């Protein structure tokens, strides 16, 4: 919700700042005076840090591939989709080459 209302969608029942501050208040944190998409992504990462895949999908959707690169491994757009696991390819030969 916080991210969805940030670009200025109309008819939202809550502002991005209010949405972020509602979550921060629940966590016992001080409110922010303003928010950007980076603030929203940081807050979301802090809230869902242990939920596998959420950060990955956010960074791919926002095309922030550099944030997915680590220890000399460079993540690029052509690596968004992972290959089928070899066990699945072996069990389903029609997947070979896909």
PDB file of N, CA and C in Angstrom:
ATOM      1  N   UNK A   1       0.824  -1.188   0.000  1.00  0.00           N
ATOM      2  CA  UNK A   1       0.000   0.000   0.000  1.00  0.00           C
ATOM      3  C   UNK A   1       0.869   1.253   0.000  1.00  0.00           C
ATOM      4  N   UNK A   2       1.869   1.274   0.883  1.00  0.00           N
ATOM      5  CA  UNK A   2       2.716   2.459   0.968  1.00  0.00           C
ATOM      6  C   UNK A   2       3.343   2.778  -0.374  1.00  0.00           C
ATOM      7  N   UNK A   3       3.860   1.763  -1.033  1.00  0.00           N
ATOM      8  CA  UNK A   3       4.517   1.964  -2.319  1.00  0.00           C
ATOM      9  C   UNK A   3       3.509   2.339  -3.399  1.00  0.00           C
ATOM     10  N   UNK A   4       2.340   1.760  -3.355  1.00  0.00           N
ATOM     11  CA  UNK A   4       1.339   1.987  -4.395  1.00  0.00           C
ATOM     12  C   UNK A   4       0.841   3.423  -4.407  1.00  0.00           C
ATOM     13  N   UNK A   5       0.725   4.055  -3.259  1.00  0.00           N
ATOM     14  CA  UNK A   5       0.198   5.409  -3.230  1.00  0.00           C
ATOM     15  C   UNK A   5       1.284   6.464  -3.432  1.00  0.00           C
ATOM     16  N   UNK A   6       2.546   6.087  -3.380  1.00  0.00           N
ATOM     17  CA  UNK A   6       3.621   7.067  -3.512  1.00  0.00           C
ATOM     18  C   UNK A   6       3.648   7.777  -4.863  1.00  0.00           C
ATOM     19  N   UNK A   7       3.462   7.071  -5.987  1.00  0.00           N
ATOM     20  CA  UNK A   7       3.533   7.773  -7.278  1.00  0.00           C
ATOM     21  C   UNK A   7       2.407   8.770  -7.519  1.00  0.00           C
ATOM     22  N   UNK A   8       1.468   8.900  -6.598  1.00  0.00           N
ATOM     23  CA  UNK A   8       0.423   9.904  -6.743  1.00  0.00           C
ATOM     24  C   UNK A   8      -0.901   9.360  -7.225  1.00  0.00           C
ATOM     25  N   UNK A   9      -1.174   8.090  -6.922  1.00  0.00           N
ATOM     26  CA  UNK A   9      -2.456   7.538  -7.343  1.00  0.00           C
ATOM     27  C   UNK A   9      -3.590   8.302  -6.668  1.00  0.00           C
ATOM     28  N   UNK A  10      -4.695   8.383  -7.338  1.00  0.00           N
ATOM     29  CA  UNK A  10      -5.831   9.134  -6.825  1.00  0.00           C
ATOM     30  C   UNK A  10      -6.783   8.235  -6.057  1.00  0.00           C
ATOM     31  N   UNK A  11      -7.485   8.815  -5.133  1.00  0.00           N
ATOM     32  CA  UNK A  11      -8.502   8.089  -4.404  1.00  0.00           C
ATOM     33  C   UNK A  11      -7.976   7.226  -3.272  1.00  0.00           C
ATOM     34  N   UNK A  12      -6.688   7.358  -2.936  1.00  0.00           N
ATOM     35  CA  UNK A  12      -6.131   6.570  -1.842  1.00  0.00           C
ATOM     36  C   UNK A  12      -6.698   7.078  -0.518  1.00  0.00           C
ATOM     37  N   UNK A  13      -6.993   6.167   0.367  1.00  0.00           N
ATOM     38  CA  UNK A  13      -7.545   6.536   1.666  1.00  0.00           C
ATOM     39  C   UNK A  13      -6.466   7.032   2.616  1.00  0.00           C
ATOM     40  N   UNK A  14      -5.193   6.843   2.252  1.00  0.00           N
ATOM     41  CA  UNK A  14      -4.100   7.230   3.127  1.00  0.00           C
ATOM     42  C   UNK A  14      -2.926   7.709   2.270  1.00  0.00           C
ATOM     43  N   UNK A  15      -2.174   8.630   2.792  1.00  0.00           N
ATOM     44  CA  UNK A  15      -1.007   9.130   2.063  1.00  0.00           C
ATOM     45  C   UNK A  15       0.174   8.188   2.281  1.00  0.00           C
ATOM     46  N   UNK A  16       1.159   8.225   1.394  1.00  0.00           N
ATOM     47  CA  UNK A  16       2.347   7.390   1.600  1.00  0.00           C
ATOM     48  C   UNK A  16       3.025   7.680   2.939  1.00  0.00           C
ATOM     49  N   UNK A  17       3.123   8.946   3.302  1.00  0.00           N
ATOM     50  CA  UNK A  17       3.750   9.317   4.567  1.00  0.00           C
ATOM     51  C   UNK A  17       2.980   8.747   5.745  1.00  0.00           C
ATOM     52  N   UNK A  18       1.667   8.855   5.706  1.00  0.00           N
ATOM     53  CA  UNK A  18       0.845   8.311   6.794  1.00  0.00           C
ATOM     54  C   UNK A  18       0.972   6.800   6.873  1.00  0.00           C
ATOM     55  N   UNK A  19       1.028   6.139   5.730  1.00  0.00           N
ATOM     56  CA  UNK A  19       1.159   4.681   5.722  1.00  0.00           C
ATOM     57  C   UNK A  19       2.495   4.250   6.339  1.00  0.00           C
ATOM     58  N   UNK A  20       3.575   4.910   5.932  1.00  0.00           N
ATOM     59  CA  UNK A  20       4.893   4.576   6.486  1.00  0.00           C
ATOM     60  C   UNK A  20       4.915   4.858   7.986  1.00  0.00           C
ATOM     61  N   UNK A  21       4.400   5.996   8.379  1.00  0.00           N
ATOM     62  CA  UNK A  21       4.433   6.359   9.795  1.00  0.00           C
ATOM     63  C   UNK A  21       3.528   5.479  10.649  1.00  0.00           C
ATOM     64  N   UNK A  22       2.468   4.948  10.080  1.00  0.00           N
ATOM     65  CA  UNK A  22       1.625   3.998  10.817  1.00  0.00           C
ATOM     66  C   UNK A  22       2.434   2.755  11.178  1.00  0.00           C
ATOM     67  N   UNK A  23       3.191   2.261  10.216  1.00  0.00           N
ATOM     68  CA  UNK A  23       4.024   1.075  10.469  1.00  0.00           C
ATOM     69  C   UNK A  23       5.139   1.417  11.454  1.00  0.00           C
ATOM     70  N   UNK A  24       5.766   2.569  11.286  1.00  0.00           N
ATOM     71  CA  UNK A  24       6.847   2.982  12.198  1.00  0.00           C
ATOM     72  C   UNK A  24       6.326   3.148  13.619  1.00  0.00           C
ATOM     73  N   UNK A  25       5.126   3.714  13.759  1.00  0.00           N
ATOM     74  CA  UNK A  25       4.536   3.876  15.085  1.00  0.00           C
ATOM     75  C   UNK A  25       4.303   2.525  15.746  1.00  0.00           C
ATOM     76  N   UNK A  26       3.792   1.577  14.972  1.00  0.00           N
ATOM     77  CA  UNK A  26       3.556   0.235  15.496  1.00  0.00           C
ATOM     78  C   UNK A  26       4.849  -0.403  15.998  1.00  0.00           C
ATOM     79  N   UNK A  27       5.963  -0.073  15.310  1.00  0.00           N
ATOM     80  CA  UNK A  27       7.264  -0.633  15.685  1.00  0.00           C
ATOM     81  C   UNK A  27       7.957   0.188  16.772  1.00  0.00           C
ATOM     82  N   UNK A  28       7.323   1.281  17.225  1.00  0.00           N
ATOM     83  CA  UNK A  28       7.914   2.098  18.268  1.00  0.00           C
ATOM     84  C   UNK A  28       8.996   3.039  17.760  1.00  0.00           C
ATOM     85  N   UNK A  29       8.957   3.374  16.470  1.00  0.00           N
ATOM     86  CA  UNK A  29       9.948   4.267  15.870  1.00  0.00           C
ATOM     87  C   UNK A  29       9.382   5.663  15.692  1.00  0.00           C
ATOM     88  N   UNK A  30      10.269   6.637  15.615  1.00  0.00           N
ATOM     89  CA  UNK A  30       9.847   8.016  15.387  1.00  0.00           C
ATOM     90  C   UNK A  30       9.292   8.166  13.972  1.00  0.00           C
ATOM     91  N   UNK A  31       8.322   9.046  13.794  1.00  0.00           N
ATOM     92  CA  UNK A  31       7.765   9.265  12.451  1.00  0.00           C
ATOM     93  C   UNK A  31       8.754   9.991  11.551  1.00  0.00           C
ATOM     94  N   UNK A  32       8.583   9.810  10.250  1.00  0.00           N
ATOM     95  CA  UNK A  32       9.367  10.537   9.256  1.00  0.00           C
ATOM     96  C   UNK A  32       8.609  11.793   8.852  1.00  0.00           C
ATOM     97  N   UNK A  33       9.336  12.812   8.406  1.00  0.00           N
ATOM     98  CA  UNK A  33       8.703  14.054   7.968  1.00  0.00           C
ATOM     99  C   UNK A  33       8.259  13.987   6.513  1.00  0.00           C
ATOM    100  N   UNK A  34       8.939  13.135   5.724  1.00  0.00           N
ATOM    101  CA  UNK A  34       8.582  12.951   4.311  1.00  0.00           C
ATOM    102  C   UNK A  34       9.101  11.587   3.880  1.00  0.00           C
ATOM    103  N   UNK A  35       8.607  11.105   2.733  1.00  0.00           N
ATOM    104  CA  UNK A  35       9.069   9.810   2.228  1.00  0.00           C
ATOM    105  C   UNK A  35       9.303   9.873   0.726  1.00  0.00           C
ATOM    106  N   UNK A  36      10.289   9.100   0.296  1.00  0.00           N
ATOM    107  CA  UNK A  36      10.579   8.893  -1.122  1.00  0.00           C
ATOM    108  C   UNK A  36      10.423   7.404  -1.389  1.00  0.00           C
ATOM    109  N   UNK A  37      10.544   7.006  -2.643  1.00  0.00           N
ATOM    110  CA  UNK A  37      10.466   5.579  -2.965  1.00  0.00           C
ATOM    111  C   UNK A  37      11.597   4.825  -2.272  1.00  0.00           C
ATOM    112  N   UNK A  38      12.765   5.453  -2.120  1.00  0.00           N
ATOM    113  CA  UNK A  38      13.872   4.805  -1.404  1.00  0.00           C
ATOM    114  C   UNK A  38      13.518   4.585   0.063  1.00  0.00           C
ATOM    115  N   UNK A  39      12.879   5.574   0.684  1.00  0.00           N
ATOM    116  CA  UNK A  39      12.445   5.420   2.072  1.00  0.00           C
ATOM    117  C   UNK A  39      11.450   4.270   2.205  1.00  0.00           C
ATOM    118  N   UNK A  40      10.513   4.221   1.284  1.00  0.00           N
ATOM    119  CA  UNK A  40       9.493   3.166   1.320  1.00  0.00           C
ATOM    120  C   UNK A  40      10.146   1.795   1.157  1.00  0.00           C
ATOM    121  N   UNK A  41      11.086   1.667   0.214  1.00  0.00           N
ATOM    122  CA  UNK A  41      11.760   0.391   0.005  1.00  0.00           C
ATOM    123  C   UNK A  41      12.590   0.000   1.228  1.00  0.00           C
ATOM    124  N   UNK A  42      13.242   0.973   1.868  1.00  0.00           N
ATOM    125  CA  UNK A  42      14.008   0.684   3.083  1.00  0.00           C
ATOM    126  C   UNK A  42      13.096   0.218   4.207  1.00  0.00           C
ATOM    127  N   UNK A  43      11.969   0.898   4.376  1.00  0.00           N
ATOM    128  CA  UNK A  43      11.011   0.508   5.415  1.00  0.00           C
ATOM    129  C   UNK A  43      10.453  -0.889   5.142  1.00  0.00           C
ATOM    130  N   UNK A  44      10.142  -1.149   3.881  1.00  0.00           N
ATOM    131  CA  UNK A  44       9.601  -2.455   3.514  1.00  0.00           C
ATOM    132  C   UNK A  44      10.638  -3.551   3.750  1.00  0.00           C
ATOM    133  N   UNK A  45      11.890  -3.258   3.423  1.00  0.00           N
ATOM    134  CA  UNK A  45      12.971  -4.231   3.651  1.00  0.00           C
ATOM    135  C   UNK A  45      13.128  -4.508   5.144  1.00  0.00           C
ATOM    136  N   UNK A  46      13.058  -3.467   5.971  1.00  0.00           N
ATOM    137  CA  UNK A  46      13.172  -3.649   7.418  1.00  0.00           C
ATOM    138  C   UNK A  46      12.012  -4.484   7.954  1.00  0.00           C
ATOM    139  N   UNK A  47      10.831  -4.260   7.424  1.00  0.00           N
ATOM    140  CA  UNK A  47       9.649  -4.970   7.907  1.00  0.00           C
ATOM    141  C   UNK A  47       9.599  -6.424   7.439  1.00  0.00           C
ATOM    142  N   UNK A  48      10.023  -6.667   6.189  1.00  0.00           N
ATOM    143  CA  UNK A  48       9.915  -8.008   5.617  1.00  0.00           C
ATOM    144  C   UNK A  48      11.271  -8.635   5.335  1.00  0.00           C
ATOM    145  N   UNK A  49      12.300  -8.218   6.053  1.00  0.00           N
ATOM    146  CA  UNK A  49      13.660  -8.665   5.794  1.00  0.00           C
ATOM    147  C   UNK A  49      13.844 -10.179   5.751  1.00  0.00           C
ATOM    148  N   UNK A  50      13.095 -10.906   6.514  1.00  0.00           N
ATOM    149  CA  UNK A  50      13.250 -12.365   6.558  1.00  0.00           C
ATOM    150  C   UNK A  50      12.266 -13.102   5.652  1.00  0.00           C
ATOM    151  N   UNK A  51      11.468 -12.378   4.922  1.00  0.00           N
ATOM    152  CA  UNK A  51      10.515 -12.988   3.991  1.00  0.00           C
ATOM    153  C   UNK A  51      11.207 -13.162   2.644  1.00  0.00           C
ATOM    154  N   UNK A  52      11.601 -14.366   2.314  1.00  0.00           N
ATOM    155  CA  UNK A  52      12.384 -14.600   1.109  1.00  0.00           C
ATOM    156  C   UNK A  52      11.613 -14.190  -0.131  1.00  0.00           C
ATOM    157  N   UNK A  53      12.299 -13.491  -1.024  1.00  0.00           N
ATOM    158  CA  UNK A  53      11.750 -13.164  -2.322  1.00  0.00           C
ATOM    159  C   UNK A  53      11.114 -11.795  -2.438  1.00  0.00           C
ATOM    160  N   UNK A  54      10.686 -11.205  -1.338  1.00  0.00           N
ATOM    161  CA  UNK A  54      10.012  -9.906  -1.429  1.00  0.00           C
ATOM    162  C   UNK A  54      10.981  -8.840  -1.918  1.00  0.00           C
ATOM    163  N   UNK A  55      12.154  -8.761  -1.310  1.00  0.00           N
ATOM    164  CA  UNK A  55      13.139  -7.759  -1.718  1.00  0.00           C
ATOM    165  C   UNK A  55      13.585  -8.011  -3.160  1.00  0.00           C
ATOM    166  N   UNK A  56      13.796  -9.293  -3.494  1.00  0.00           N
ATOM    167  CA  UNK A  56      14.219  -9.647  -4.851  1.00  0.00           C
ATOM    168  C   UNK A  56      13.206  -9.132  -5.876  1.00  0.00           C
ATOM    169  N   UNK A  57      11.932  -9.420  -5.657  1.00  0.00           N
ATOM    170  CA  UNK A  57      10.901  -8.979  -6.607  1.00  0.00           C
ATOM    171  C   UNK A  57      10.810  -7.456  -6.677  1.00  0.00           C
ATOM    172  N   UNK A  58      10.962  -6.789  -5.532  1.00  0.00           N
ATOM    173  CA  UNK A  58      10.946  -5.322  -5.542  1.00  0.00           C
ATOM    174  C   UNK A  58      12.094  -4.763  -6.371  1.00  0.00           C
ATOM    175  N   UNK A  59      13.292  -5.280  -6.165  1.00  0.00           N
ATOM    176  CA  UNK A  59      14.457  -4.761  -6.876  1.00  0.00           C
ATOM    177  C   UNK A  59      14.381  -5.060  -8.374  1.00  0.00           C
ATOM    178  N   UNK A  60      13.857  -6.210  -8.745  1.00  0.00           N
ATOM    179  CA  UNK A  60      13.685  -6.539 -10.162  1.00  0.00           C
ATOM    180  C   UNK A  60      12.629  -5.617 -10.774  1.00  0.00           C
ATOM    181  N   UNK A  61      11.511  -5.427 -10.089  1.00  0.00           N
ATOM    182  CA  UNK A  61      10.439  -4.575 -10.594  1.00  0.00           C
ATOM    183  C   UNK A  61      10.921  -3.140 -10.771  1.00  0.00           C
ATOM    184  N   UNK A  62      11.755  -2.665  -9.850  1.00  0.00           N
ATOM    185  CA  UNK A  62      12.274  -1.298  -9.915  1.00  0.00           C
ATOM    186  C   UNK A  62      13.553  -1.195 -10.736  1.00  0.00           C
ATOM    187  N   UNK A  63      13.984  -2.314 -11.295  1.00  0.00           N
ATOM    188  CA  UNK A  63      15.203  -2.413 -12.116  1.00  0.00           C
ATOM    189  C   UNK A  63      16.441  -1.928 -11.372  1.00  0.00           C
ATOM    190  N   UNK A  64      16.538  -2.308 -10.112  1.00  0.00           N
ATOM    191  CA  UNK A  64      17.697  -1.970  -9.281  1.00  0.00           C
ATOM    192  C   UNK A  64      18.580  -3.206  -9.127  1.00  0.00           C
ATOM    193  N   UNK A  65      19.114  -3.639 -10.249  1.00  0.00           N
ATOM    194  CA  UNK A  65      19.879  -4.875 -10.289  1.00  0.00           C
ATOM    195  C   UNK A  65      21.168  -4.784  -9.486  1.00  0.00           C
ATOM    196  N   UNK A  66      21.721  -3.584  -9.364  1.00  0.00           N
ATOM    197  CA  UNK A  66      22.960  -3.429  -8.606  1.00  0.00           C
ATOM    198  C   UNK A  66      22.772  -3.810  -7.144  1.00  0.00           C
ATOM    199  N   UNK A  67      21.572  -3.633  -6.611  1.00  0.00           N
ATOM    200  CA  UNK A  67      21.313  -3.995  -5.219  1.00  0.00           C
ATOM    201  C   UNK A  67      21.234  -5.509  -5.032  1.00  0.00           C
ATOM    202  N   UNK A  68      21.141  -6.248  -6.123  1.00  0.00           N
ATOM    203  CA  UNK A  68      21.116  -7.701  -6.045  1.00  0.00           C
ATOM    204  C   UNK A  68      22.501  -8.306  -6.305  1.00  0.00           C
ATOM    205  N   UNK A  69      23.457  -7.459  -6.653  1.00  0.00           N
ATOM    206  CA  UNK A  69      24.820  -7.920  -6.894  1.00  0.00           C
ATOM    207  C   UNK A  69      25.568  -7.965  -5.561  1.00  0.00           C
ATOM    208  N   UNK A  70      26.430  -8.971  -5.399  1.00  0.00           N
ATOM    209  CA  UNK A  70      27.191  -9.094  -4.155  1.00  0.00           C
ATOM    210  C   UNK A  70      28.433  -9.939  -4.385  1.00  0.00           C
ATOM    211  N   UNK A  71      29.450  -9.708  -3.563  1.00  0.00           N
ATOM    212  CA  UNK A  71      30.695 -10.480  -3.562  1.00  0.00           C
ATOM    213  C   UNK A  71      31.241 -10.707  -4.969  1.00  0.00           C
ATOM    214  N   UNK A  72      31.238  -9.671  -5.785  1.00  0.00           N
ATOM    215  CA  UNK A  72      31.779  -9.769  -7.132  1.00  0.00           C
ATOM    216  C   UNK A  72      30.847 -10.411  -8.143  1.00  0.00           C
ATOM    217  N   UNK A  73      29.678 -10.849  -7.724  1.00  0.00           N
ATOM    218  CA  UNK A  73      28.695 -11.434  -8.631  1.00  0.00           C
ATOM    219  C   UNK A  73      27.774 -10.321  -9.104  1.00  0.00           C
ATOM    220  N   UNK A  74      27.727 -10.122 -10.393  1.00  0.00           N
ATOM    221  CA  UNK A  74      26.918  -9.038 -10.939  1.00  0.00           C
ATOM    222  C   UNK A  74      25.573  -9.574 -11.420  1.00  0.00           C
ATOM    223  N   UNK A  75      24.513  -9.020 -10.879  1.00  0.00           N
ATOM    224  CA  UNK A  75      23.168  -9.398 -11.281  1.00  0.00           C
ATOM    225  C   UNK A  75      22.728  -8.445 -12.383  1.00  0.00           C
ATOM    226  N   UNK A  76      22.212  -8.996 -13.475  1.00  0.00           N
ATOM    227  CA  UNK A  76      21.745  -8.188 -14.602  1.00  0.00           C
ATOM    228  C   UNK A  76      20.336  -8.624 -14.991  1.00  0.00           C
ATOM    229  N   UNK A  77      19.708  -7.830 -15.828  1.00  0.00           N
ATOM    230  CA  UNK A  77      18.330  -8.098 -16.233  1.00  0.00           C
ATOM    231  C   UNK A  77      18.154  -9.484 -16.850  1.00  0.00           C
ATOM    232  N   UNK A  78      19.159  -9.964 -17.581  1.00  0.00           N
ATOM    233  CA  UNK A  78      19.025 -11.269 -18.227  1.00  0.00           C
ATOM    234  C   UNK A  78      19.036 -12.425 -17.232  1.00  0.00           C
ATOM    235  N   UNK A  79      19.249 -12.136 -15.952  1.00  0.00           N
ATOM    236  CA  UNK A  79      19.267 -13.183 -14.920  1.00  0.00           C
ATOM    237  C   UNK A  79      18.007 -13.176 -14.052  1.00  0.00           C
ATOM    238  N   UNK A  80      16.993 -12.426 -14.470  1.00  0.00           N
ATOM    239  CA  UNK A  80      15.769 -12.323 -13.681  1.00  0.00           C
ATOM    240  C   UNK A  80      15.121 -13.690 -13.472  1.00  0.00           C
ATOM    241  N   UNK A  81      15.030 -14.469 -14.541  1.00  0.00           N
ATOM    242  CA  UNK A  81      14.385 -15.766 -14.462  1.00  0.00           C
ATOM    243  C   UNK A  81      15.437 -16.836 -14.271  1.00  0.00           C
ATOM    244  N   UNK A  82      15.261 -17.641 -13.251  1.00  0.00           N
ATOM    245  CA  UNK A  82      16.214 -18.694 -12.958  1.00  0.00           C
ATOM    246  C   UNK A  82      15.926 -19.919 -13.825  1.00  0.00           C
ATOM    247  N   UNK A  83      16.952 -20.696 -14.141  1.00  0.00           N
ATOM    248  CA  UNK A  83      16.709 -21.904 -14.944  1.00  0.00           C
ATOM    249  C   UNK A  83      15.933 -22.942 -14.133  1.00  0.00           C
ATOM    250  N   UNK A  84      15.302 -23.851 -14.859  1.00  0.00           N
ATOM    251  CA  UNK A  84      14.621 -24.945 -14.172  1.00  0.00           C
ATOM    252  C   UNK A  84      15.647 -25.786 -13.429  1.00  0.00           C
ATOM    253  N   UNK A  85      15.313 -26.288 -12.241  1.00  0.00           N
ATOM    254  CA  UNK A  85      16.226 -27.184 -11.533  1.00  0.00           C
ATOM    255  C   UNK A  85      16.469 -28.446 -12.367  1.00  0.00           C
ATOM    256  N   UNK A  86      17.684 -28.942 -12.348  1.00  0.00           N
ATOM    257  CA  UNK A  86      18.037 -30.096 -13.162  1.00  0.00           C
ATOM    258  C   UNK A  86      17.153 -31.303 -12.867  1.00  0.00           C
ATOM    259  N   UNK A  87      16.763 -31.496 -11.623  1.00  0.00           N
ATOM    260  CA  UNK A  87      15.896 -32.636 -11.273  1.00  0.00           C
ATOM    261  C   UNK A  87      14.557 -32.550 -12.012  1.00  0.00           C
ATOM    262  N   UNK A  88      14.025 -31.330 -12.188  1.00  0.00           N
ATOM    263  CA  UNK A  88      12.763 -31.148 -12.912  1.00  0.00           C
ATOM    264  C   UNK A  88      12.957 -31.399 -14.403  1.00  0.00           C
ATOM    265  N   UNK A  89      14.082 -30.932 -14.956  1.00  0.00           N
ATOM    266  CA  UNK A  89      14.365 -31.164 -16.368  1.00  0.00           C
ATOM    267  C   UNK A  89      14.509 -32.648 -16.633  1.00  0.00           C
ATOM    268  N   UNK A  90      15.185 -33.353 -15.719  1.00  0.00           N
ATOM    269  CA  UNK A  90      15.347 -34.807 -15.868  1.00  0.00           C
ATOM    270  C   UNK A  90      13.999 -35.525 -15.806  1.00  0.00           C
ATOM    271  N   UNK A  91      13.109 -35.061 -14.922  1.00  0.00           N
ATOM    272  CA  UNK A  91      11.798 -35.697 -14.772  1.00  0.00           C
ATOM    273  C   UNK A  91      10.853 -35.322 -15.911  1.00  0.00           C
ATOM    274  N   UNK A  92      11.043 -34.138 -16.501  1.00  0.00           N
ATOM    275  CA  UNK A  92      10.167 -33.640 -17.559  1.00  0.00           C
ATOM    276  C   UNK A  92      11.017 -33.211 -18.755  1.00  0.00           C
ATOM    277  N   UNK A  93      11.405 -34.142 -19.618  1.00  0.00           N
ATOM    278  CA  UNK A  93      12.305 -33.834 -20.733  1.00  0.00           C
ATOM    279  C   UNK A  93      11.811 -32.698 -21.632  1.00  0.00           C
ATOM    280  N   UNK A  94      10.514 -32.426 -21.660  1.00  0.00           N
ATOM    281  CA  UNK A  94       9.991 -31.361 -22.494  1.00  0.00           C
ATOM    282  C   UNK A  94      10.498 -29.983 -22.024  1.00  0.00           C
ATOM    283  N   UNK A  95      11.079 -29.904 -20.829  1.00  0.00           N
ATOM    284  CA  UNK A  95      11.638 -28.660 -20.341  1.00  0.00           C
ATOM    285  C   UNK A  95      13.058 -28.386 -20.871  1.00  0.00           C
ATOM    286  N   UNK A  96      13.669 -29.394 -21.434  1.00  0.00           N
ATOM    287  CA  UNK A  96      15.045 -29.245 -21.922  1.00  0.00           C
ATOM    288  C   UNK A  96      15.108 -28.105 -22.928  1.00  0.00           C
ATOM    289  N   UNK A  97      16.088 -27.235 -22.765  1.00  0.00           N
ATOM    290  CA  UNK A  97      16.273 -26.126 -23.690  1.00  0.00           C
ATOM    291  C   UNK A  97      15.419 -24.921 -23.391  1.00  0.00           C
ATOM    292  N   UNK A  98      14.669 -24.942 -22.317  1.00  0.00           N
ATOM    293  CA  UNK A  98      13.818 -23.792 -21.979  1.00  0.00           C
ATOM    294  C   UNK A  98      14.448 -22.967 -20.887  1.00  0.00           C
TER     295      UNK A  98
END
